Amino acid sequence: MKIILQIFLAIVPLFFSFSTLDPTLSVRFLALSILILTLLIHQFYVRKQIVLEIIKQPFIIFFSIILFSYFLSSCVNGFSAEGIYVLLKFFLAILFCFLITHFLVKYNYKDFLNSFVIFSLLVS
């Protein structure tokens, strides 16, 4: 998990495609979705202990409240394509925040910052 996450964070800014209206947004959203799915399958397959104190963090609680309010708003106003996209984006943000926090608790900040250094070297 450690290597996959570091490689992803190092190369995600390089993802783009000119076949869509926005060359970066949809491709990076798809890449983030695939990464989160891969990491969650890895977590469940290996059955590593997940730090449950992460759920009690105020940031995760705040994000969950926002996601729930967006869901209620979509239920009242009808599900549009943009509303579903925003819901999925917030849900992926919560899962990604949960996985990053779990990564930082399990390892340290040095391993997390290595990917940013690698990206900076790639861009340079």
PDB file of N, CA and C in Angstrom:
ATOM      1  N   MET A   1       0.825  -1.194   0.000  1.00  0.00           N
ATOM      2  CA  MET A   1       0.000   0.000   0.000  1.00  0.00           C
ATOM      3  C   MET A   1       0.864   1.252   0.000  1.00  0.00           C
ATOM      4  N   LYS A   2       1.957   1.181   0.717  1.00  0.00           N
ATOM      5  CA  LYS A   2       2.824   2.339   0.855  1.00  0.00           C
ATOM      6  C   LYS A   2       3.392   2.762  -0.499  1.00  0.00           C
ATOM      7  N   ILE A   3       3.904   1.815  -1.255  1.00  0.00           N
ATOM      8  CA  ILE A   3       4.525   2.123  -2.543  1.00  0.00           C
ATOM      9  C   ILE A   3       3.479   2.591  -3.554  1.00  0.00           C
ATOM     10  N   ILE A   4       2.314   1.940  -3.563  1.00  0.00           N
ATOM     11  CA  ILE A   4       1.249   2.314  -4.502  1.00  0.00           C
ATOM     12  C   ILE A   4       0.812   3.755  -4.265  1.00  0.00           C
ATOM     13  N   LEU A   5       0.620   4.107  -3.013  1.00  0.00           N
ATOM     14  CA  LEU A   5       0.180   5.460  -2.681  1.00  0.00           C
ATOM     15  C   LEU A   5       1.245   6.495  -3.017  1.00  0.00           C
ATOM     16  N   GLN A   6       2.493   6.183  -2.755  1.00  0.00           N
ATOM     17  CA  GLN A   6       3.562   7.126  -3.065  1.00  0.00           C
ATOM     18  C   GLN A   6       3.702   7.334  -4.574  1.00  0.00           C
ATOM     19  N   ILE A   7       3.621   6.266  -5.342  1.00  0.00           N
ATOM     20  CA  ILE A   7       3.719   6.388  -6.796  1.00  0.00           C
ATOM     21  C   ILE A   7       2.533   7.173  -7.337  1.00  0.00           C
ATOM     22  N   PHE A   8       1.352   6.887  -6.821  1.00  0.00           N
ATOM     23  CA  PHE A   8       0.163   7.601  -7.293  1.00  0.00           C
ATOM     24  C   PHE A   8       0.273   9.094  -7.024  1.00  0.00           C
ATOM     25  N   LEU A   9       0.668   9.468  -5.819  1.00  0.00           N
ATOM     26  CA  LEU A   9       0.784  10.886  -5.490  1.00  0.00           C
ATOM     27  C   LEU A   9       1.873  11.570  -6.303  1.00  0.00           C
ATOM     28  N   ALA A  10       2.865  10.811  -6.727  1.00  0.00           N
ATOM     29  CA  ALA A  10       3.943  11.391  -7.519  1.00  0.00           C
ATOM     30  C   ALA A  10       3.536  11.609  -8.972  1.00  0.00           C
ATOM     31  N   ILE A  11       2.660  10.754  -9.521  1.00  0.00           N
ATOM     32  CA  ILE A  11       2.355  10.868 -10.950  1.00  0.00           C
ATOM     33  C   ILE A  11       0.958  11.389 -11.260  1.00  0.00           C
ATOM     34  N   VAL A  12       0.088  11.551 -10.276  1.00  0.00           N
ATOM     35  CA  VAL A  12      -1.277  12.006 -10.567  1.00  0.00           C
ATOM     36  C   VAL A  12      -1.327  13.387 -11.221  1.00  0.00           C
ATOM     37  N   PRO A  13      -0.451  14.318 -10.911  1.00  0.00           N
ATOM     38  CA  PRO A  13      -0.526  15.602 -11.623  1.00  0.00           C
ATOM     39  C   PRO A  13      -0.162  15.500 -13.107  1.00  0.00           C
ATOM     40  N   LEU A  14       0.429  14.399 -13.506  1.00  0.00           N
ATOM     41  CA  LEU A  14       0.813  14.227 -14.904  1.00  0.00           C
ATOM     42  C   LEU A  14      -0.293  13.623 -15.754  1.00  0.00           C
ATOM     43  N   PHE A  15      -1.427  13.216 -15.156  1.00  0.00           N
ATOM     44  CA  PHE A  15      -2.533  12.624 -15.898  1.00  0.00           C
ATOM     45  C   PHE A  15      -3.319  13.708 -16.635  1.00  0.00           C
ATOM     46  N   PHE A  16      -3.496  13.530 -17.934  1.00  0.00           N
ATOM     47  CA  PHE A  16      -4.364  14.422 -18.698  1.00  0.00           C
ATOM     48  C   PHE A  16      -4.776  13.715 -19.982  1.00  0.00           C
ATOM     49  N   SER A  17      -5.856  14.185 -20.558  1.00  0.00           N
ATOM     50  CA  SER A  17      -6.360  13.630 -21.809  1.00  0.00           C
ATOM     51  C   SER A  17      -7.078  14.738 -22.564  1.00  0.00           C
ATOM     52  N   PHE A  18      -6.750  14.886 -23.827  1.00  0.00           N
ATOM     53  CA  PHE A  18      -7.382  15.920 -24.636  1.00  0.00           C
ATOM     54  C   PHE A  18      -8.675  15.444 -25.292  1.00  0.00           C
ATOM     55  N   SER A  19      -9.095  14.213 -25.017  1.00  0.00           N
ATOM     56  CA  SER A  19     -10.326  13.695 -25.613  1.00  0.00           C
ATOM     57  C   SER A  19     -11.570  14.098 -24.822  1.00  0.00           C
ATOM     58  N   THR A  20     -11.407  14.758 -23.686  1.00  0.00           N
ATOM     59  CA  THR A  20     -12.545  15.228 -22.893  1.00  0.00           C
ATOM     60  C   THR A  20     -12.578  16.752 -22.899  1.00  0.00           C
ATOM     61  N   LEU A  21     -13.689  17.321 -22.431  1.00  0.00           N
ATOM     62  CA  LEU A  21     -13.796  18.784 -22.387  1.00  0.00           C
ATOM     63  C   LEU A  21     -12.778  19.393 -21.436  1.00  0.00           C
ATOM     64  N   ASP A  22     -12.666  18.807 -20.261  1.00  0.00           N
ATOM     65  CA  ASP A  22     -11.661  19.246 -19.302  1.00  0.00           C
ATOM     66  C   ASP A  22     -10.538  18.219 -19.333  1.00  0.00           C
ATOM     67  N   PRO A  23      -9.357  18.575 -19.796  1.00  0.00           N
ATOM     68  CA  PRO A  23      -8.315  17.569 -20.002  1.00  0.00           C
ATOM     69  C   PRO A  23      -7.764  16.939 -18.729  1.00  0.00           C
ATOM     70  N   THR A  24      -8.012  17.527 -17.573  1.00  0.00           N
ATOM     71  CA  THR A  24      -7.420  16.974 -16.356  1.00  0.00           C
ATOM     72  C   THR A  24      -8.431  16.440 -15.358  1.00  0.00           C
ATOM     73  N   LEU A  25      -9.563  17.093 -15.209  1.00  0.00           N
ATOM     74  CA  LEU A  25     -10.469  16.792 -14.106  1.00  0.00           C
ATOM     75  C   LEU A  25     -11.030  15.371 -14.157  1.00  0.00           C
ATOM     76  N   SER A  26     -11.620  14.973 -15.263  1.00  0.00           N
ATOM     77  CA  SER A  26     -12.266  13.661 -15.324  1.00  0.00           C
ATOM     78  C   SER A  26     -11.248  12.527 -15.277  1.00  0.00           C
ATOM     79  N   VAL A  27     -10.087  12.715 -15.879  1.00  0.00           N
ATOM     80  CA  VAL A  27      -9.067  11.666 -15.876  1.00  0.00           C
ATOM     81  C   VAL A  27      -8.502  11.482 -14.469  1.00  0.00           C
ATOM     82  N   ARG A  28      -8.264  12.564 -13.772  1.00  0.00           N
ATOM     83  CA  ARG A  28      -7.739  12.470 -12.401  1.00  0.00           C
ATOM     84  C   ARG A  28      -8.798  11.916 -11.446  1.00  0.00           C
ATOM     85  N   PHE A  29     -10.060  12.254 -11.679  1.00  0.00           N
ATOM     86  CA  PHE A  29     -11.144  11.699 -10.871  1.00  0.00           C
ATOM     87  C   PHE A  29     -11.228  10.188 -11.068  1.00  0.00           C
ATOM     88  N   LEU A  30     -11.097   9.731 -12.300  1.00  0.00           N
ATOM     89  CA  LEU A  30     -11.092   8.295 -12.584  1.00  0.00           C
ATOM     90  C   LEU A  30      -9.888   7.614 -11.949  1.00  0.00           C
ATOM     91  N   ALA A  31      -8.713   8.234 -12.049  1.00  0.00           N
ATOM     92  CA  ALA A  31      -7.506   7.661 -11.443  1.00  0.00           C
ATOM     93  C   ALA A  31      -7.633   7.587  -9.926  1.00  0.00           C
ATOM     94  N   LEU A  32      -8.189   8.627  -9.318  1.00  0.00           N
ATOM     95  CA  LEU A  32      -8.400   8.615  -7.871  1.00  0.00           C
ATOM     96  C   LEU A  32      -9.388   7.524  -7.471  1.00  0.00           C
ATOM     97  N   SER A  33     -10.428   7.341  -8.260  1.00  0.00           N
ATOM     98  CA  SER A  33     -11.412   6.294  -7.974  1.00  0.00           C
ATOM     99  C   SER A  33     -10.780   4.915  -8.045  1.00  0.00           C
ATOM    100  N   ILE A  34      -9.981   4.683  -9.059  1.00  0.00           N
ATOM    101  CA  ILE A  34      -9.319   3.382  -9.211  1.00  0.00           C
ATOM    102  C   ILE A  34      -8.333   3.151  -8.080  1.00  0.00           C
ATOM    103  N   LEU A  35      -7.586   4.189  -7.694  1.00  0.00           N
ATOM    104  CA  LEU A  35      -6.634   4.038  -6.589  1.00  0.00           C
ATOM    105  C   LEU A  35      -7.350   3.712  -5.281  1.00  0.00           C
ATOM    106  N   ILE A  36      -8.409   4.428  -4.990  1.00  0.00           N
ATOM    107  CA  ILE A  36      -9.130   4.188  -3.737  1.00  0.00           C
ATOM    108  C   ILE A  36      -9.732   2.794  -3.723  1.00  0.00           C
ATOM    109  N   LEU A  37     -10.289   2.364  -4.853  1.00  0.00           N
ATOM    110  CA  LEU A  37     -10.830   1.017  -4.939  1.00  0.00           C
ATOM    111  C   LEU A  37      -9.736  -0.019  -4.725  1.00  0.00           C
ATOM    112  N   THR A  38      -8.576   0.190  -5.338  1.00  0.00           N
ATOM    113  CA  THR A  38      -7.456  -0.739  -5.176  1.00  0.00           C
ATOM    114  C   THR A  38      -6.987  -0.795  -3.725  1.00  0.00           C
ATOM    115  N   LEU A  39      -6.856   0.362  -3.097  1.00  0.00           N
ATOM    116  CA  LEU A  39      -6.387   0.391  -1.713  1.00  0.00           C
ATOM    117  C   LEU A  39      -7.399  -0.226  -0.749  1.00  0.00           C
ATOM    118  N   LEU A  40      -8.688   0.003  -0.991  1.00  0.00           N
ATOM    119  CA  LEU A  40      -9.706  -0.601  -0.121  1.00  0.00           C
ATOM    120  C   LEU A  40      -9.762  -2.114  -0.289  1.00  0.00           C
ATOM    121  N   ILE A  41      -9.641  -2.583  -1.524  1.00  0.00           N
ATOM    122  CA  ILE A  41      -9.589  -4.042  -1.743  1.00  0.00           C
ATOM    123  C   ILE A  41      -8.357  -4.629  -1.070  1.00  0.00           C
ATOM    124  N   HIS A  42      -7.235  -3.920  -1.165  1.00  0.00           N
ATOM    125  CA  HIS A  42      -6.018  -4.385  -0.500  1.00  0.00           C
ATOM    126  C   HIS A  42      -6.194  -4.430   1.019  1.00  0.00           C
ATOM    127  N   GLN A  43      -6.830  -3.402   1.581  1.00  0.00           N
ATOM    128  CA  GLN A  43      -7.061  -3.378   3.026  1.00  0.00           C
ATOM    129  C   GLN A  43      -7.937  -4.550   3.467  1.00  0.00           C
ATOM    130  N   PHE A  44      -9.007  -4.827   2.704  1.00  0.00           N
ATOM    131  CA  PHE A  44      -9.904  -5.912   3.084  1.00  0.00           C
ATOM    132  C   PHE A  44      -9.296  -7.285   2.809  1.00  0.00           C
ATOM    133  N   TYR A  45      -8.479  -7.391   1.764  1.00  0.00           N
ATOM    134  CA  TYR A  45      -7.868  -8.668   1.428  1.00  0.00           C
ATOM    135  C   TYR A  45      -6.802  -9.055   2.436  1.00  0.00           C
ATOM    136  N   VAL A  46      -5.970  -8.110   2.800  1.00  0.00           N
ATOM    137  CA  VAL A  46      -4.887  -8.381   3.750  1.00  0.00           C
ATOM    138  C   VAL A  46      -5.422  -8.427   5.173  1.00  0.00           C
ATOM    139  N   ARG A  47      -6.564  -7.781   5.377  1.00  0.00           N
ATOM    140  CA  ARG A  47      -7.212  -7.697   6.689  1.00  0.00           C
ATOM    141  C   ARG A  47      -6.310  -7.070   7.742  1.00  0.00           C
ATOM    142  N   LYS A  48      -5.661  -6.015   7.328  1.00  0.00           N
ATOM    143  CA  LYS A  48      -4.853  -5.258   8.278  1.00  0.00           C
ATOM    144  C   LYS A  48      -5.780  -4.461   9.173  1.00  0.00           C
ATOM    145  N   GLN A  49      -5.330  -4.217  10.361  1.00  0.00           N
ATOM    146  CA  GLN A  49      -6.129  -3.474  11.327  1.00  0.00           C
ATOM    147  C   GLN A  49      -6.211  -2.012  10.910  1.00  0.00           C
ATOM    148  N   ILE A  50      -7.410  -1.515  10.785  1.00  0.00           N
ATOM    149  CA  ILE A  50      -7.624  -0.117  10.434  1.00  0.00           C
ATOM    150  C   ILE A  50      -7.766   0.681  11.727  1.00  0.00           C
ATOM    151  N   VAL A  51      -7.113   1.803  11.766  1.00  0.00           N
ATOM    152  CA  VAL A  51      -7.169   2.660  12.945  1.00  0.00           C
ATOM    153  C   VAL A  51      -8.542   3.334  12.973  1.00  0.00           C
ATOM    154  N   LEU A  52      -9.379   2.951  13.928  1.00  0.00           N
ATOM    155  CA  LEU A  52     -10.741   3.457  13.977  1.00  0.00           C
ATOM    156  C   LEU A  52     -10.860   4.829  14.638  1.00  0.00           C
ATOM    157  N   GLU A  53      -9.785   5.298  15.249  1.00  0.00           N
ATOM    158  CA  GLU A  53      -9.818   6.634  15.828  1.00  0.00           C
ATOM    159  C   GLU A  53      -9.896   7.714  14.753  1.00  0.00           C
ATOM    160  N   ILE A  54      -9.579   7.329  13.522  1.00  0.00           N
ATOM    161  CA  ILE A  54      -9.629   8.280  12.413  1.00  0.00           C
ATOM    162  C   ILE A  54     -11.063   8.753  12.196  1.00  0.00           C
ATOM    163  N   ILE A  55     -12.029   7.872  12.373  1.00  0.00           N
ATOM    164  CA  ILE A  55     -13.430   8.210  12.152  1.00  0.00           C
ATOM    165  C   ILE A  55     -13.896   9.283  13.131  1.00  0.00           C
ATOM    166  N   LYS A  56     -13.308   9.336  14.293  1.00  0.00           N
ATOM    167  CA  LYS A  56     -13.714  10.289  15.322  1.00  0.00           C
ATOM    168  C   LYS A  56     -13.073  11.665  15.162  1.00  0.00           C
ATOM    169  N   GLN A  57     -12.219  11.834  14.152  1.00  0.00           N
ATOM    170  CA  GLN A  57     -11.574  13.123  13.932  1.00  0.00           C
ATOM    171  C   GLN A  57     -12.591  14.157  13.460  1.00  0.00           C
ATOM    172  N   PRO A  58     -12.469  15.399  13.903  1.00  0.00           N
ATOM    173  CA  PRO A  58     -13.441  16.432  13.528  1.00  0.00           C
ATOM    174  C   PRO A  58     -13.516  16.676  12.013  1.00  0.00           C
ATOM    175  N   PHE A  59     -12.400  16.555  11.325  1.00  0.00           N
ATOM    176  CA  PHE A  59     -12.396  16.776   9.882  1.00  0.00           C
ATOM    177  C   PHE A  59     -13.245  15.719   9.161  1.00  0.00           C
ATOM    178  N   ILE A  60     -13.114  14.474   9.556  1.00  0.00           N
ATOM    179  CA  ILE A  60     -13.899  13.390   8.950  1.00  0.00           C
ATOM    180  C   ILE A  60     -15.378  13.564   9.298  1.00  0.00           C
ATOM    181  N   ILE A  61     -15.670  13.943  10.515  1.00  0.00           N
ATOM    182  CA  ILE A  61     -17.064  14.164  10.924  1.00  0.00           C
ATOM    183  C   ILE A  61     -17.664  15.323  10.129  1.00  0.00           C
ATOM    184  N   PHE A  62     -16.897  16.396   9.971  1.00  0.00           N
ATOM    185  CA  PHE A  62     -17.365  17.552   9.205  1.00  0.00           C
ATOM    186  C   PHE A  62     -17.616  17.177   7.744  1.00  0.00           C
ATOM    187  N   PHE A  63     -16.697  16.440   7.138  1.00  0.00           N
ATOM    188  CA  PHE A  63     -16.875  15.981   5.769  1.00  0.00           C
ATOM    189  C   PHE A  63     -18.101  15.074   5.644  1.00  0.00           C
ATOM    190  N   SER A  64     -18.330  14.229   6.635  1.00  0.00           N
ATOM    191  CA  SER A  64     -19.490  13.330   6.597  1.00  0.00           C
ATOM    192  C   SER A  64     -20.797  14.120   6.698  1.00  0.00           C
ATOM    193  N   ILE A  65     -20.803  15.150   7.518  1.00  0.00           N
ATOM    194  CA  ILE A  65     -22.002  15.995   7.639  1.00  0.00           C
ATOM    195  C   ILE A  65     -22.278  16.715   6.319  1.00  0.00           C
ATOM    196  N   ILE A  66     -21.233  17.220   5.679  1.00  0.00           N
ATOM    197  CA  ILE A  66     -21.416  17.877   4.375  1.00  0.00           C
ATOM    198  C   ILE A  66     -21.930  16.889   3.344  1.00  0.00           C
ATOM    199  N   LEU A  67     -21.377  15.685   3.323  1.00  0.00           N
ATOM    200  CA  LEU A  67     -21.836  14.658   2.380  1.00  0.00           C
ATOM    201  C   LEU A  67     -23.295  14.313   2.623  1.00  0.00           C
ATOM    202  N   PHE A  68     -23.679  14.176   3.877  1.00  0.00           N
ATOM    203  CA  PHE A  68     -25.068  13.864   4.207  1.00  0.00           C
ATOM    204  C   PHE A  68     -26.002  15.007   3.804  1.00  0.00           C
ATOM    205  N   SER A  69     -25.570  16.255   4.014  1.00  0.00           N
ATOM    206  CA  SER A  69     -26.417  17.389   3.623  1.00  0.00           C
ATOM    207  C   SER A  69     -26.553  17.478   2.110  1.00  0.00           C
ATOM    208  N   TYR A  70     -25.484  17.191   1.363  1.00  0.00           N
ATOM    209  CA  TYR A  70     -25.583  17.150  -0.095  1.00  0.00           C
ATOM    210  C   TYR A  70     -26.519  16.031  -0.544  1.00  0.00           C
ATOM    211  N   PHE A  71     -26.463  14.903   0.141  1.00  0.00           N
ATOM    212  CA  PHE A  71     -27.354  13.791  -0.216  1.00  0.00           C
ATOM    213  C   PHE A  71     -28.812  14.170   0.033  1.00  0.00           C
ATOM    214  N   LEU A  72     -29.086  14.792   1.184  1.00  0.00           N
ATOM    215  CA  LEU A  72     -30.458  15.228   1.461  1.00  0.00           C
ATOM    216  C   LEU A  72     -30.923  16.280   0.455  1.00  0.00           C
ATOM    217  N   SER A  73     -30.043  17.183   0.092  1.00  0.00           N
ATOM    218  CA  SER A  73     -30.392  18.190  -0.902  1.00  0.00           C
ATOM    219  C   SER A  73     -30.688  17.559  -2.255  1.00  0.00           C
ATOM    220  N   SER A  74     -29.927  16.548  -2.614  1.00  0.00           N
ATOM    221  CA  SER A  74     -30.175  15.858  -3.883  1.00  0.00           C
ATOM    222  C   SER A  74     -31.479  15.073  -3.838  1.00  0.00           C
ATOM    223  N   CYS A  75     -31.809  14.524  -2.684  1.00  0.00           N
ATOM    224  CA  CYS A  75     -33.082  13.799  -2.563  1.00  0.00           C
ATOM    225  C   CYS A  75     -34.262  14.748  -2.715  1.00  0.00           C
ATOM    226  N   VAL A  76     -34.161  15.938  -2.128  1.00  0.00           N
ATOM    227  CA  VAL A  76     -35.258  16.898  -2.193  1.00  0.00           C
ATOM    228  C   VAL A  76     -35.374  17.509  -3.584  1.00  0.00           C
ATOM    229  N   ASN A  77     -34.249  17.893  -4.180  1.00  0.00           N
ATOM    230  CA  ASN A  77     -34.260  18.610  -5.451  1.00  0.00           C
ATOM    231  C   ASN A  77     -34.156  17.705  -6.673  1.00  0.00           C
ATOM    232  N   GLY A  78     -33.972  16.445  -6.479  1.00  0.00           N
ATOM    233  CA  GLY A  78     -33.830  15.528  -7.604  1.00  0.00           C
ATOM    234  C   GLY A  78     -32.365  15.296  -7.930  1.00  0.00           C
ATOM    235  N   PHE A  79     -32.084  14.097  -8.363  1.00  0.00           N
ATOM    236  CA  PHE A  79     -30.705  13.731  -8.679  1.00  0.00           C
ATOM    237  C   PHE A  79     -30.378  14.153 -10.102  1.00  0.00           C
ATOM    238  N   SER A  80     -29.514  15.124 -10.223  1.00  0.00           N
ATOM    239  CA  SER A  80     -29.040  15.545 -11.538  1.00  0.00           C
ATOM    240  C   SER A  80     -27.633  14.974 -11.738  1.00  0.00           C
ATOM    241  N   ALA A  81     -27.117  15.105 -12.939  1.00  0.00           N
ATOM    242  CA  ALA A  81     -25.780  14.583 -13.224  1.00  0.00           C
ATOM    243  C   ALA A  81     -24.722  15.310 -12.400  1.00  0.00           C
ATOM    244  N   GLU A  82     -24.870  16.605 -12.275  1.00  0.00           N
ATOM    245  CA  GLU A  82     -23.898  17.365 -11.499  1.00  0.00           C
ATOM    246  C   GLU A  82     -24.007  17.059 -10.006  1.00  0.00           C
ATOM    247  N   GLY A  83     -25.225  16.839  -9.530  1.00  0.00           N
ATOM    248  CA  GLY A  83     -25.408  16.485  -8.122  1.00  0.00           C
ATOM    249  C   GLY A  83     -24.780  15.144  -7.782  1.00  0.00           C
ATOM    250  N   ILE A  84     -24.941  14.175  -8.670  1.00  0.00           N
ATOM    251  CA  ILE A  84     -24.329  12.858  -8.451  1.00  0.00           C
ATOM    252  C   ILE A  84     -22.816  12.978  -8.483  1.00  0.00           C
ATOM    253  N   TYR A  85     -22.297  13.797  -9.401  1.00  0.00           N
ATOM    254  CA  TYR A  85     -20.850  13.998  -9.488  1.00  0.00           C
ATOM    255  C   TYR A  85     -20.300  14.618  -8.200  1.00  0.00           C
ATOM    256  N   VAL A  86     -21.007  15.601  -7.657  1.00  0.00           N
ATOM    257  CA  VAL A  86     -20.560  16.247  -6.414  1.00  0.00           C
ATOM    258  C   VAL A  86     -20.619  15.254  -5.252  1.00  0.00           C
ATOM    259  N   LEU A  87     -21.683  14.453  -5.195  1.00  0.00           N
ATOM    260  CA  LEU A  87     -21.779  13.436  -4.146  1.00  0.00           C
ATOM    261  C   LEU A  87     -20.628  12.439  -4.237  1.00  0.00           C
ATOM    262  N   LEU A  88     -20.342  11.963  -5.432  1.00  0.00           N
ATOM    263  CA  LEU A  88     -19.235  11.017  -5.603  1.00  0.00           C
ATOM    264  C   LEU A  88     -17.894  11.664  -5.271  1.00  0.00           C
ATOM    265  N   LYS A  89     -17.747  12.922  -5.636  1.00  0.00           N
ATOM    266  CA  LYS A  89     -16.501  13.624  -5.345  1.00  0.00           C
ATOM    267  C   LYS A  89     -16.286  13.759  -3.840  1.00  0.00           C
ATOM    268  N   PHE A  90     -17.328  14.123  -3.104  1.00  0.00           N
ATOM    269  CA  PHE A  90     -17.198  14.224  -1.651  1.00  0.00           C
ATOM    270  C   PHE A  90     -16.977  12.862  -1.007  1.00  0.00           C
ATOM    271  N   PHE A  91     -17.662  11.838  -1.513  1.00  0.00           N
ATOM    272  CA  PHE A  91     -17.473  10.499  -0.973  1.00  0.00           C
ATOM    273  C   PHE A  91     -16.041  10.020  -1.197  1.00  0.00           C
ATOM    274  N   LEU A  92     -15.502  10.255  -2.386  1.00  0.00           N
ATOM    275  CA  LEU A  92     -14.115   9.887  -2.655  1.00  0.00           C
ATOM    276  C   LEU A  92     -13.150  10.711  -1.813  1.00  0.00           C
ATOM    277  N   ALA A  93     -13.483  11.966  -1.564  1.00  0.00           N
ATOM    278  CA  ALA A  93     -12.622  12.800  -0.717  1.00  0.00           C
ATOM    279  C   ALA A  93     -12.579  12.270   0.710  1.00  0.00           C
ATOM    280  N   ILE A  94     -13.729  11.816   1.217  1.00  0.00           N
ATOM    281  CA  ILE A  94     -13.757  11.243   2.565  1.00  0.00           C
ATOM    282  C   ILE A  94     -12.937   9.963   2.623  1.00  0.00           C
ATOM    283  N   LEU A  95     -13.139   9.090   1.642  1.00  0.00           N
ATOM    284  CA  LEU A  95     -12.372   7.838   1.623  1.00  0.00           C
ATOM    285  C   LEU A  95     -10.878   8.100   1.458  1.00  0.00           C
ATOM    286  N   PHE A  96     -10.516   9.044   0.590  1.00  0.00           N
ATOM    287  CA  PHE A  96      -9.106   9.357   0.390  1.00  0.00           C
ATOM    288  C   PHE A  96      -8.503   9.966   1.647  1.00  0.00           C
ATOM    289  N   CYS A  97      -9.226  10.840   2.303  1.00  0.00           N
ATOM    290  CA  CYS A  97      -8.754  11.427   3.555  1.00  0.00           C
ATOM    291  C   CYS A  97      -8.574  10.344   4.620  1.00  0.00           C
ATOM    292  N   PHE A  98      -9.523   9.406   4.660  1.00  0.00           N
ATOM    293  CA  PHE A  98      -9.428   8.300   5.610  1.00  0.00           C
ATOM    294  C   PHE A  98      -8.190   7.453   5.326  1.00  0.00           C
ATOM    295  N   LEU A  99      -7.944   7.128   4.052  1.00  0.00           N
ATOM    296  CA  LEU A  99      -6.788   6.309   3.697  1.00  0.00           C
ATOM    297  C   LEU A  99      -5.470   7.047   3.926  1.00  0.00           C
ATOM    298  N   ILE A 100      -5.433   8.341   3.616  1.00  0.00           N
ATOM    299  CA  ILE A 100      -4.212   9.121   3.843  1.00  0.00           C
ATOM    300  C   ILE A 100      -3.922   9.233   5.341  1.00  0.00           C
ATOM    301  N   THR A 101      -4.948   9.461   6.131  1.00  0.00           N
ATOM    302  CA  THR A 101      -4.754   9.550   7.585  1.00  0.00           C
ATOM    303  C   THR A 101      -4.288   8.215   8.142  1.00  0.00           C
ATOM    304  N   HIS A 102      -4.866   7.130   7.656  1.00  0.00           N
ATOM    305  CA  HIS A 102      -4.423   5.793   8.075  1.00  0.00           C
ATOM    306  C   HIS A 102      -2.960   5.573   7.682  1.00  0.00           C
ATOM    307  N   PHE A 103      -2.589   6.025   6.490  1.00  0.00           N
ATOM    308  CA  PHE A 103      -1.207   5.911   6.031  1.00  0.00           C
ATOM    309  C   PHE A 103      -0.269   6.705   6.931  1.00  0.00           C
ATOM    310  N   LEU A 104      -0.675   7.924   7.292  1.00  0.00           N
ATOM    311  CA  LEU A 104       0.183   8.762   8.124  1.00  0.00           C
ATOM    312  C   LEU A 104       0.302   8.236   9.547  1.00  0.00           C
ATOM    313  N   VAL A 105      -0.758   7.618  10.058  1.00  0.00           N
ATOM    314  CA  VAL A 105      -0.684   7.040  11.402  1.00  0.00           C
ATOM    315  C   VAL A 105       0.205   5.802  11.389  1.00  0.00           C
ATOM    316  N   LYS A 106       0.075   4.994  10.341  1.00  0.00           N
ATOM    317  CA  LYS A 106       0.833   3.753  10.267  1.00  0.00           C
ATOM    318  C   LYS A 106       2.306   4.001   9.972  1.00  0.00           C
ATOM    319  N   TYR A 107       2.582   4.891   9.047  1.00  0.00           N
ATOM    320  CA  TYR A 107       3.960   5.226   8.698  1.00  0.00           C
ATOM    321  C   TYR A 107       4.258   6.600   9.279  1.00  0.00           C
ATOM    322  N   ASN A 108       5.036   7.387   8.611  1.00  0.00           N
ATOM    323  CA  ASN A 108       5.292   8.732   9.116  1.00  0.00           C
ATOM    324  C   ASN A 108       5.207   9.736   7.972  1.00  0.00           C
ATOM    325  N   TYR A 109       5.429  10.993   8.290  1.00  0.00           N
ATOM    326  CA  TYR A 109       5.317  12.051   7.288  1.00  0.00           C
ATOM    327  C   TYR A 109       6.423  11.964   6.238  1.00  0.00           C
ATOM    328  N   LYS A 110       7.557  11.399   6.604  1.00  0.00           N
ATOM    329  CA  LYS A 110       8.673  11.314   5.666  1.00  0.00           C
ATOM    330  C   LYS A 110       8.292  10.479   4.449  1.00  0.00           C
ATOM    331  N   ASP A 111       7.647   9.360   4.655  1.00  0.00           N
ATOM    332  CA  ASP A 111       7.233   8.517   3.540  1.00  0.00           C
ATOM    333  C   ASP A 111       6.185   9.199   2.673  1.00  0.00           C
ATOM    334  N   PHE A 112       5.347  10.007   3.290  1.00  0.00           N
ATOM    335  CA  PHE A 112       4.320  10.736   2.561  1.00  0.00           C
ATOM    336  C   PHE A 112       4.920  11.860   1.725  1.00  0.00           C
ATOM    337  N   LEU A 113       5.892  12.547   2.269  1.00  0.00           N
ATOM    338  CA  LEU A 113       6.504  13.675   1.569  1.00  0.00           C
ATOM    339  C   LEU A 113       7.472  13.237   0.472  1.00  0.00           C
ATOM    340  N   ASN A 114       7.928  11.989   0.514  1.00  0.00           N
ATOM    341  CA  ASN A 114       8.808  11.495  -0.541  1.00  0.00           C
ATOM    342  C   ASN A 114       8.134  11.555  -1.904  1.00  0.00           C
ATOM    343  N   SER A 115       6.842  11.293  -1.949  1.00  0.00           N
ATOM    344  CA  SER A 115       6.144  11.325  -3.231  1.00  0.00           C
ATOM    345  C   SER A 115       6.091  12.741  -3.793  1.00  0.00           C
ATOM    346  N   PHE A 116       5.954  13.744  -2.948  1.00  0.00           N
ATOM    347  CA  PHE A 116       5.964  15.125  -3.425  1.00  0.00           C
ATOM    348  C   PHE A 116       7.336  15.523  -3.930  1.00  0.00           C
ATOM    349  N   VAL A 117       8.382  15.017  -3.296  1.00  0.00           N
ATOM    350  CA  VAL A 117       9.737  15.293  -3.759  1.00  0.00           C
ATOM    351  C   VAL A 117       9.973  14.631  -5.116  1.00  0.00           C
ATOM    352  N   ILE A 118       9.496  13.410  -5.265  1.00  0.00           N
ATOM    353  CA  ILE A 118       9.638  12.698  -6.546  1.00  0.00           C
ATOM    354  C   ILE A 118       8.907  13.444  -7.647  1.00  0.00           C
ATOM    355  N   PHE A 119       7.691  13.922  -7.365  1.00  0.00           N
ATOM    356  CA  PHE A 119       6.950  14.698  -8.364  1.00  0.00           C
ATOM    357  C   PHE A 119       7.698  15.964  -8.732  1.00  0.00           C
ATOM    358  N   SER A 120       8.251  16.646  -7.748  1.00  0.00           N
ATOM    359  CA  SER A 120       8.992  17.876  -8.025  1.00  0.00           C
ATOM    360  C   SER A 120      10.192  17.592  -8.911  1.00  0.00           C
ATOM    361  N   LEU A 121      10.845  16.461  -8.685  1.00  0.00           N
ATOM    362  CA  LEU A 121      11.976  16.091  -9.549  1.00  0.00           C
ATOM    363  C   LEU A 121      11.497  15.759 -10.954  1.00  0.00           C
ATOM    364  N   LEU A 122      10.347  15.099 -11.087  1.00  0.00           N
ATOM    365  CA  LEU A 122       9.828  14.778 -12.407  1.00  0.00           C
ATOM    366  C   LEU A 122       9.464  16.043 -13.182  1.00  0.00           C
ATOM    367  N   VAL A 123       8.884  16.998 -12.505  1.00  0.00           N
ATOM    368  CA  VAL A 123       8.492  18.232 -13.164  1.00  0.00           C
ATOM    369  C   VAL A 123       9.702  19.075 -13.524  1.00  0.00           C
ATOM    370  N   SER A 124      10.709  19.045 -12.676  1.00  0.00           N
ATOM    371  CA  SER A 124      11.919  19.844 -12.942  1.00  0.00           C
ATOM    372  C   SER A 124      12.629  19.312 -14.162  1.00  0.00           C
TER     373      SER A 124
END
